[in-house]
């Protein structure tokens, strides 16, 4: 059964870092674009970052470029989101998502259309 399980959320002070992990049971893992999306209170869910199945193509929302890095480990079938220099606007529930693509070099960078979702992990940044 396909499943995405996030971990690594928590409470941090502004300027600090967190790394989120997403353990995925989707197969074959290399044909799934992996993404992170987030939803802040009272706001719509928004795209944060995605990585192609090949691992070398990435996309980021403008609001996180230069601060967040998405990556994936094929052997561990896990995706990561390294978040640096966090600020209060990054406070949200972060979701891992996956979408199958016929090519490992395809990328998707939308807020919707993802096939599988994790349960979400809360990230709270205090100033």
C-alpha atoms as a PDB file:
ATOM      1  CA  UNK A   1       0.000   0.000   0.000  1.00  0.00           C
ATOM      2  CA  UNK A   2       1.389   3.352  -1.026  1.00  0.00           C
ATOM      3  CA  UNK A   3       2.196   5.508   1.939  1.00  0.00           C
ATOM      4  CA  UNK A   4       4.106   8.689   2.736  1.00  0.00           C
ATOM      5  CA  UNK A   5       5.179   9.334   6.314  1.00  0.00           C
ATOM      6  CA  UNK A   6       6.639  12.694   7.306  1.00  0.00           C
ATOM      7  CA  UNK A   7       8.814  13.405  10.306  1.00  0.00           C
ATOM      8  CA  UNK A   8      11.089  16.132  11.608  1.00  0.00           C
ATOM      9  CA  UNK A   9       8.687  18.957  12.313  1.00  0.00           C
ATOM     10  CA  UNK A  10       8.784  20.945  15.519  1.00  0.00           C
ATOM     11  CA  UNK A  11       9.117  24.311  17.194  1.00  0.00           C
ATOM     12  CA  UNK A  12      12.141  26.460  16.371  1.00  0.00           C
ATOM     13  CA  UNK A  13      13.211  30.036  16.755  1.00  0.00           C
ATOM     14  CA  UNK A  14      13.589  32.315  13.775  1.00  0.00           C
ATOM     15  CA  UNK A  15      16.909  31.936  12.030  1.00  0.00           C
ATOM     16  CA  UNK A  16      17.286  28.285  12.949  1.00  0.00           C
ATOM     17  CA  UNK A  17      17.036  25.178  10.784  1.00  0.00           C
ATOM     18  CA  UNK A  18      14.978  22.003  10.516  1.00  0.00           C
ATOM     19  CA  UNK A  19      15.112  18.991   8.265  1.00  0.00           C
ATOM     20  CA  UNK A  20      11.940  17.198   7.292  1.00  0.00           C
ATOM     21  CA  UNK A  21      11.920  13.599   6.103  1.00  0.00           C
ATOM     22  CA  UNK A  22       9.360  11.728   4.049  1.00  0.00           C
ATOM     23  CA  UNK A  23       9.588   7.945   4.048  1.00  0.00           C
ATOM     24  CA  UNK A  24       7.852   6.694   0.903  1.00  0.00           C
ATOM     25  CA  UNK A  25       6.518   3.280  -0.019  1.00  0.00           C
ATOM     26  CA  UNK A  26       5.603   4.280  -3.582  1.00  0.00           C
ATOM     27  CA  UNK A  27       7.256   2.073  -6.202  1.00  0.00           C
ATOM     28  CA  UNK A  28       9.203   2.360  -8.320  1.00  0.00           C
ATOM     29  CA  UNK A  29      10.466   5.290  -6.244  1.00  0.00           C
ATOM     30  CA  UNK A  30      12.604   6.645  -9.074  1.00  0.00           C
ATOM     31  CA  UNK A  31       9.490   7.322 -11.175  1.00  0.00           C
ATOM     32  CA  UNK A  32       7.822   9.489  -8.582  1.00  0.00           C
ATOM     33  CA  UNK A  33       8.265  13.210  -8.395  1.00  0.00           C
ATOM     34  CA  UNK A  34       8.476  14.033  -4.692  1.00  0.00           C
ATOM     35  CA  UNK A  35       7.323  17.346  -3.325  1.00  0.00           C
ATOM     36  CA  UNK A  36       6.749  19.359  -0.195  1.00  0.00           C
ATOM     37  CA  UNK A  37       3.736  21.588   0.186  1.00  0.00           C
ATOM     38  CA  UNK A  38       2.536  23.560   3.181  1.00  0.00           C
ATOM     39  CA  UNK A  39      -0.607  25.058   4.584  1.00  0.00           C
ATOM     40  CA  UNK A  40      -0.598  27.909   7.068  1.00  0.00           C
ATOM     41  CA  UNK A  41      -3.636  28.694   9.224  1.00  0.00           C
ATOM     42  CA  UNK A  42      -6.303  30.418   7.208  1.00  0.00           C
ATOM     43  CA  UNK A  43      -4.417  30.024   3.953  1.00  0.00           C
ATOM     44  CA  UNK A  44      -4.598  27.683   1.003  1.00  0.00           C
ATOM     45  CA  UNK A  45      -2.101  24.902   0.590  1.00  0.00           C
ATOM     46  CA  UNK A  46       0.913  26.085  -1.373  1.00  0.00           C
ATOM     47  CA  UNK A  47       3.753  24.450  -3.277  1.00  0.00           C
ATOM     48  CA  UNK A  48       7.142  24.634  -1.574  1.00  0.00           C
ATOM     49  CA  UNK A  49       9.581  22.424  -3.489  1.00  0.00           C
ATOM     50  CA  UNK A  50       9.810  19.356  -5.716  1.00  0.00           C
ATOM     51  CA  UNK A  51      12.460  17.002  -7.012  1.00  0.00           C
ATOM     52  CA  UNK A  52      12.423  14.767 -10.064  1.00  0.00           C
ATOM     53  CA  UNK A  53      12.763  11.024  -9.906  1.00  0.00           C
ATOM     54  CA  UNK A  54      16.318  11.361 -11.168  1.00  0.00           C
ATOM     55  CA  UNK A  55      17.061  13.647  -8.233  1.00  0.00           C
ATOM     56  CA  UNK A  56      18.839  16.318 -10.243  1.00  0.00           C
ATOM     57  CA  UNK A  57      15.935  18.546 -11.222  1.00  0.00           C
ATOM     58  CA  UNK A  58      14.354  20.703  -8.543  1.00  0.00           C
ATOM     59  CA  UNK A  59      11.823  23.500  -8.301  1.00  0.00           C
ATOM     60  CA  UNK A  60      11.188  25.940  -5.463  1.00  0.00           C
ATOM     61  CA  UNK A  61       8.638  28.524  -4.519  1.00  0.00           C
ATOM     62  CA  UNK A  62      10.094  32.018  -4.658  1.00  0.00           C
ATOM     63  CA  UNK A  63       9.494  32.430  -0.944  1.00  0.00           C
ATOM     64  CA  UNK A  64      11.919  29.630  -0.040  1.00  0.00           C
ATOM     65  CA  UNK A  65      14.579  29.866  -2.754  1.00  0.00           C
ATOM     66  CA  UNK A  66      18.048  30.069  -1.282  1.00  0.00           C
ATOM     67  CA  UNK A  67      16.834  28.876   2.140  1.00  0.00           C
ATOM     68  CA  UNK A  68      15.276  25.453   1.508  1.00  0.00           C
ATOM     69  CA  UNK A  69      16.798  22.457  -0.235  1.00  0.00           C
ATOM     70  CA  UNK A  70      14.885  19.395  -1.383  1.00  0.00           C
ATOM     71  CA  UNK A  71      16.648  16.089  -1.954  1.00  0.00           C
ATOM     72  CA  UNK A  72      15.960  12.383  -2.155  1.00  0.00           C
ATOM     73  CA  UNK A  73      17.725   9.152  -1.293  1.00  0.00           C
ATOM     74  CA  UNK A  74      16.820   6.329  -3.647  1.00  0.00           C
ATOM     75  CA  UNK A  75      18.271   3.603  -1.454  1.00  0.00           C
ATOM     76  CA  UNK A  76      16.201   4.764   1.514  1.00  0.00           C
ATOM     77  CA  UNK A  77      13.180   5.758  -0.616  1.00  0.00           C
ATOM     78  CA  UNK A  78      13.060   8.966   1.372  1.00  0.00           C
ATOM     79  CA  UNK A  79      12.721  12.611   0.435  1.00  0.00           C
ATOM     80  CA  UNK A  80      14.049  15.456   2.530  1.00  0.00           C
ATOM     81  CA  UNK A  81      13.497  19.158   2.965  1.00  0.00           C
ATOM     82  CA  UNK A  82      16.332  21.046   4.583  1.00  0.00           C
ATOM     83  CA  UNK A  83      14.988  24.371   5.852  1.00  0.00           C
ATOM     84  CA  UNK A  84      17.445  27.062   6.863  1.00  0.00           C
ATOM     85  CA  UNK A  85      17.006  30.609   8.121  1.00  0.00           C
ATOM     86  CA  UNK A  86      13.415  29.933   9.103  1.00  0.00           C
ATOM     87  CA  UNK A  87      11.053  32.805   9.789  1.00  0.00           C
ATOM     88  CA  UNK A  88       7.539  33.127  11.163  1.00  0.00           C
ATOM     89  CA  UNK A  89       6.031  33.035   7.676  1.00  0.00           C
ATOM     90  CA  UNK A  90       7.296  29.468   7.343  1.00  0.00           C
ATOM     91  CA  UNK A  91       4.956  28.348  10.123  1.00  0.00           C
ATOM     92  CA  UNK A  92       2.615  25.778   8.612  1.00  0.00           C
ATOM     93  CA  UNK A  93       1.735  22.132   8.344  1.00  0.00           C
ATOM     94  CA  UNK A  94       4.141  20.623   5.838  1.00  0.00           C
ATOM     95  CA  UNK A  95       2.978  17.809   3.593  1.00  0.00           C
ATOM     96  CA  UNK A  96       4.948  15.373   1.511  1.00  0.00           C
ATOM     97  CA  UNK A  97       3.390  14.433  -1.826  1.00  0.00           C
ATOM     98  CA  UNK A  98       4.194  12.130  -4.719  1.00  0.00           C
ATOM     99  CA  UNK A  99       3.178  11.816  -8.352  1.00  0.00           C
ATOM    100  CA  UNK A 100       4.181   9.129 -10.842  1.00  0.00           C
ATOM    101  CA  UNK A 101       5.803  10.265 -14.054  1.00  0.00           C
ATOM    102  CA  UNK A 102       6.784   8.168 -17.082  1.00  0.00           C
ATOM    103  CA  UNK A 103      10.205   9.823 -17.180  1.00  0.00           C
ATOM    104  CA  UNK A 104      12.508  10.165 -14.194  1.00  0.00           C
ATOM    105  CA  UNK A 105      13.471  13.577 -15.541  1.00  0.00           C
ATOM    106  CA  UNK A 106      10.011  15.107 -15.420  1.00  0.00           C
ATOM    107  CA  UNK A 107       9.211  17.685 -12.754  1.00  0.00           C
ATOM    108  CA  UNK A 108       5.986  19.078 -11.359  1.00  0.00           C
ATOM    109  CA  UNK A 109       5.667  22.295  -9.390  1.00  0.00           C
ATOM    110  CA  UNK A 110       1.982  22.758  -8.668  1.00  0.00           C
ATOM    111  CA  UNK A 111      -0.044  22.896  -5.472  1.00  0.00           C
ATOM    112  CA  UNK A 112      -2.561  20.388  -6.744  1.00  0.00           C
ATOM    113  CA  UNK A 113      -2.667  17.184  -8.759  1.00  0.00           C
ATOM    114  CA  UNK A 114      -0.517  15.061  -6.464  1.00  0.00           C
ATOM    115  CA  UNK A 115      -1.490  11.398  -6.248  1.00  0.00           C
ATOM    116  CA  UNK A 116      -0.273  10.520  -2.767  1.00  0.00           C
ATOM    117  CA  UNK A 117      -0.072  12.610   0.386  1.00  0.00           C
ATOM    118  CA  UNK A 118       1.430  12.263   3.804  1.00  0.00           C
ATOM    119  CA  UNK A 119      -0.395  13.130   6.984  1.00  0.00           C
ATOM    120  CA  UNK A 120       1.535  16.352   7.519  1.00  0.00           C
ATOM    121  CA  UNK A 121       3.994  17.584  10.117  1.00  0.00           C
ATOM    122  CA  UNK A 122       3.735  20.863  11.990  1.00  0.00           C
ATOM    123  CA  UNK A 123       6.502  23.431  11.767  1.00  0.00           C
ATOM    124  CA  UNK A 124       6.225  26.416  14.097  1.00  0.00           C
ATOM    125  CA  UNK A 125       8.731  29.257  13.947  1.00  0.00           C
ATOM    126  CA  UNK A 126       8.768  31.765  16.770  1.00  0.00           C
ATOM    127  CA  UNK A 127      10.432  35.158  16.562  1.00  0.00           C
END
